[in-house]
N, C-alpha and C. Protein backbone atom coordinates (compact mmCIF):
# COMPACT_ATOMS: atom_id res chain seq x y z
N MET A 1 105.90 128.97 89.11
CA MET A 1 105.20 127.81 89.67
C MET A 1 105.73 126.89 90.25
N ALA A 2 105.28 126.61 91.38
CA ALA A 2 106.17 125.12 92.31
C ALA A 2 106.06 124.01 91.27
N ASP A 3 107.21 123.29 91.39
CA ASP A 3 107.36 121.88 90.79
C ASP A 3 106.37 121.12 91.21
N LYS A 4 105.85 120.40 90.39
CA LYS A 4 104.61 119.32 90.77
C LYS A 4 105.12 118.13 90.61
N LYS A 5 104.70 117.28 91.38
CA LYS A 5 105.29 115.95 91.44
C LYS A 5 105.07 115.16 90.02
N LYS A 6 105.71 114.31 89.60
CA LYS A 6 105.47 113.76 88.36
C LYS A 6 104.65 112.67 88.53
N LYS A 7 104.14 112.00 89.49
CA LYS A 7 103.12 111.07 89.82
C LYS A 7 102.16 111.51 91.10
N GLN A 8 100.83 111.45 90.89
CA GLN A 8 100.23 111.82 92.22
C GLN A 8 98.90 111.17 92.21
N ARG A 9 98.53 110.57 93.29
CA ARG A 9 97.38 109.62 93.42
C ARG A 9 96.41 110.93 93.66
N PHE A 10 95.13 110.31 93.18
CA PHE A 10 93.87 110.84 93.09
C PHE A 10 92.75 110.09 93.56
N TYR A 11 92.30 110.46 94.65
CA TYR A 11 91.06 109.50 95.32
C TYR A 11 89.94 110.07 94.90
N VAL A 12 88.88 108.84 94.58
CA VAL A 12 87.23 109.26 94.41
C VAL A 12 86.90 109.40 95.59
N GLU A 13 86.44 110.48 95.71
CA GLU A 13 85.59 111.05 97.23
C GLU A 13 84.39 110.26 97.39
N GLU A 14 83.66 110.30 98.37
CA GLU A 14 82.49 109.51 98.72
C GLU A 14 81.35 109.92 97.82
N ASN A 15 81.07 111.23 97.74
CA ASN A 15 80.06 111.86 96.85
C ASN A 15 80.55 112.27 95.68
N GLU A 16 81.52 111.67 94.99
CA GLU A 16 81.98 112.02 93.72
C GLU A 16 82.09 111.01 92.69
N SER A 17 81.70 111.20 91.82
CA SER A 17 81.64 110.46 90.40
C SER A 17 83.18 110.10 89.82
N ILE A 18 83.44 108.98 89.28
CA ILE A 18 84.56 108.68 88.64
C ILE A 18 85.44 109.59 87.51
N ASP A 19 84.05 110.08 86.83
CA ASP A 19 84.28 111.36 85.73
C ASP A 19 84.70 112.68 86.62
N ALA A 20 84.20 112.89 87.54
CA ALA A 20 84.44 114.23 88.24
C ALA A 20 85.75 113.91 88.55
N CYS A 21 86.33 112.85 89.35
CA CYS A 21 87.70 112.92 89.73
C CYS A 21 88.67 112.93 88.56
N LEU A 22 88.22 112.19 87.44
CA LEU A 22 89.16 112.14 86.06
C LEU A 22 89.30 113.76 85.75
N ASP A 23 88.13 114.42 85.86
CA ASP A 23 88.09 116.03 85.52
C ASP A 23 89.19 116.63 86.27
N ARG A 24 89.10 116.39 87.44
CA ARG A 24 89.75 117.16 88.67
C ARG A 24 91.38 116.76 88.22
N MET A 25 91.56 115.48 87.92
CA MET A 25 93.04 115.37 87.49
C MET A 25 93.71 115.96 86.47
N LYS A 26 92.52 116.20 85.47
CA LYS A 26 92.91 116.86 84.20
C LYS A 26 93.17 118.30 84.37
N ASP A 27 92.27 119.08 85.40
CA ASP A 27 92.48 120.25 85.69
C ASP A 27 93.96 120.65 86.74
N ASN A 28 94.39 119.69 87.00
CA ASN A 28 95.55 119.69 87.84
C ASN A 28 96.85 119.18 87.05
N GLY A 29 96.40 119.13 85.79
CA GLY A 29 97.60 118.87 84.82
C GLY A 29 98.04 117.25 84.91
N TYR A 30 97.12 116.18 85.26
CA TYR A 30 97.58 115.20 85.25
C TYR A 30 96.86 114.15 84.25
N MET A 31 97.44 113.30 83.76
CA MET A 31 96.72 111.84 82.89
C MET A 31 96.75 110.76 83.87
N PRO A 32 95.56 110.25 84.08
CA PRO A 32 95.38 108.69 84.44
C PRO A 32 96.06 107.94 83.71
N VAL A 33 97.09 106.87 84.54
CA VAL A 33 97.62 106.03 84.19
C VAL A 33 97.30 104.42 84.75
N ARG A 34 96.90 104.38 85.73
CA ARG A 34 96.56 103.43 86.68
C ARG A 34 95.34 103.63 87.45
N ARG A 35 94.61 102.70 87.45
CA ARG A 35 93.43 102.42 88.30
C ARG A 35 93.33 101.43 89.62
N MET A 36 93.41 102.00 90.75
CA MET A 36 93.50 100.94 91.97
C MET A 36 92.43 100.81 92.54
N GLU A 37 92.11 99.80 93.58
CA GLU A 37 90.97 100.16 94.49
C GLU A 37 91.65 99.26 95.88
N GLU A 38 91.69 100.18 97.09
CA GLU A 38 92.35 99.83 98.54
C GLU A 38 90.94 99.53 99.08
N PRO A 39 91.23 98.41 100.02
CA PRO A 39 90.14 98.30 101.14
C PRO A 39 89.99 99.26 102.02
N VAL A 40 88.90 99.74 102.59
CA VAL A 40 88.78 100.69 103.88
C VAL A 40 88.42 99.69 104.94
N LEU A 41 89.27 99.55 105.84
CA LEU A 41 88.88 98.69 107.31
C LEU A 41 88.08 99.28 108.23
N LYS A 42 87.57 98.61 109.00
CA LYS A 42 86.90 99.20 110.25
C LYS A 42 86.76 97.94 111.23
N GLU A 43 87.00 98.80 112.57
CA GLU A 43 86.89 97.65 113.64
C GLU A 43 85.46 97.25 114.06
N VAL A 44 85.35 96.01 114.21
CA VAL A 44 83.96 95.52 114.81
C VAL A 44 84.25 94.81 116.00
N LYS A 45 83.45 95.17 116.98
CA LYS A 45 83.60 94.30 118.34
C LYS A 45 82.34 93.27 118.21
N LYS A 46 83.08 92.04 117.83
CA LYS A 46 82.15 90.74 118.16
C LYS A 46 82.52 89.81 119.49
N ASN A 47 81.50 89.36 120.13
CA ASN A 47 81.88 88.46 121.36
C ASN A 47 82.93 89.16 122.18
N GLY A 48 83.03 90.30 122.68
CA GLY A 48 83.97 90.82 123.38
C GLY A 48 85.42 91.05 122.63
N LYS A 49 85.38 90.56 121.57
CA LYS A 49 86.87 90.87 120.72
C LYS A 49 86.73 91.93 119.67
N ILE A 50 87.62 92.48 119.38
CA ILE A 50 87.92 93.43 118.23
C ILE A 50 88.34 92.87 117.15
N GLU A 51 87.77 92.75 115.90
CA GLU A 51 87.96 92.22 114.67
C GLU A 51 87.86 93.33 113.49
N ILE A 52 88.97 93.25 112.64
CA ILE A 52 88.93 94.31 111.47
C ILE A 52 88.60 93.39 110.10
N GLU A 53 87.45 94.20 109.82
CA GLU A 53 86.74 93.83 108.61
C GLU A 53 86.80 94.71 107.70
N VAL A 54 86.35 94.53 106.42
CA VAL A 54 86.51 95.48 105.28
C VAL A 54 85.31 96.11 105.08
N SER A 55 85.23 97.42 105.38
CA SER A 55 83.85 98.19 105.09
C SER A 55 83.72 98.25 103.88
N HIS A 56 84.31 98.72 102.90
CA HIS A 56 84.25 98.97 101.44
C HIS A 56 85.66 99.35 100.90
N GLN A 57 85.58 99.31 99.44
CA GLN A 57 86.55 99.62 98.46
C GLN A 57 86.52 100.96 98.23
N ARG A 58 87.67 101.52 98.02
CA ARG A 58 88.13 103.04 97.47
C ARG A 58 88.76 102.91 96.12
N ILE A 59 88.35 103.66 95.17
CA ILE A 59 89.01 103.74 94.02
C ILE A 59 89.89 104.92 94.02
N VAL A 60 91.35 104.54 93.77
CA VAL A 60 92.40 105.43 93.37
C VAL A 60 92.91 105.65 92.24
N PHE A 61 92.93 106.77 91.50
CA PHE A 61 93.84 106.68 90.43
C PHE A 61 95.11 107.12 90.41
N GLU A 62 96.24 106.77 89.79
CA GLU A 62 97.68 107.18 89.93
C GLU A 62 97.57 108.08 88.56
N GLY A 63 97.98 109.35 88.65
CA GLY A 63 98.38 110.36 87.62
C GLY A 63 99.63 110.66 87.44
N LYS A 64 99.90 110.82 85.92
CA LYS A 64 101.13 111.12 85.83
C LYS A 64 101.08 112.63 84.92
N LEU A 65 102.06 113.22 85.43
CA LEU A 65 102.13 114.80 85.23
C LEU A 65 101.96 115.01 83.55
N LEU A 66 101.29 115.57 82.71
CA LEU A 66 101.45 116.22 81.38
C LEU A 66 102.37 117.15 80.99
N GLU A 67 103.17 116.76 79.95
CA GLU A 67 104.39 117.70 79.66
C GLU A 67 103.91 118.60 78.60
N ASP A 68 104.03 119.72 78.81
CA ASP A 68 103.53 120.68 77.55
C ASP A 68 104.62 121.00 76.71
């Protein structure tokens, strides 16, 4: 079996619940140790200028590899 990373990030997908993401982490052999939120940015054209705005927040879990 290939060596897994000790830490890995798992993103909660757009149509996925937090519980489903945590189950996916467990299936891959990781335990959540940290929850973060990252802003998703988008470019918006206002008055002929392009401005960057926050579209929404994306939930990210950092997982630690379970030792068996």
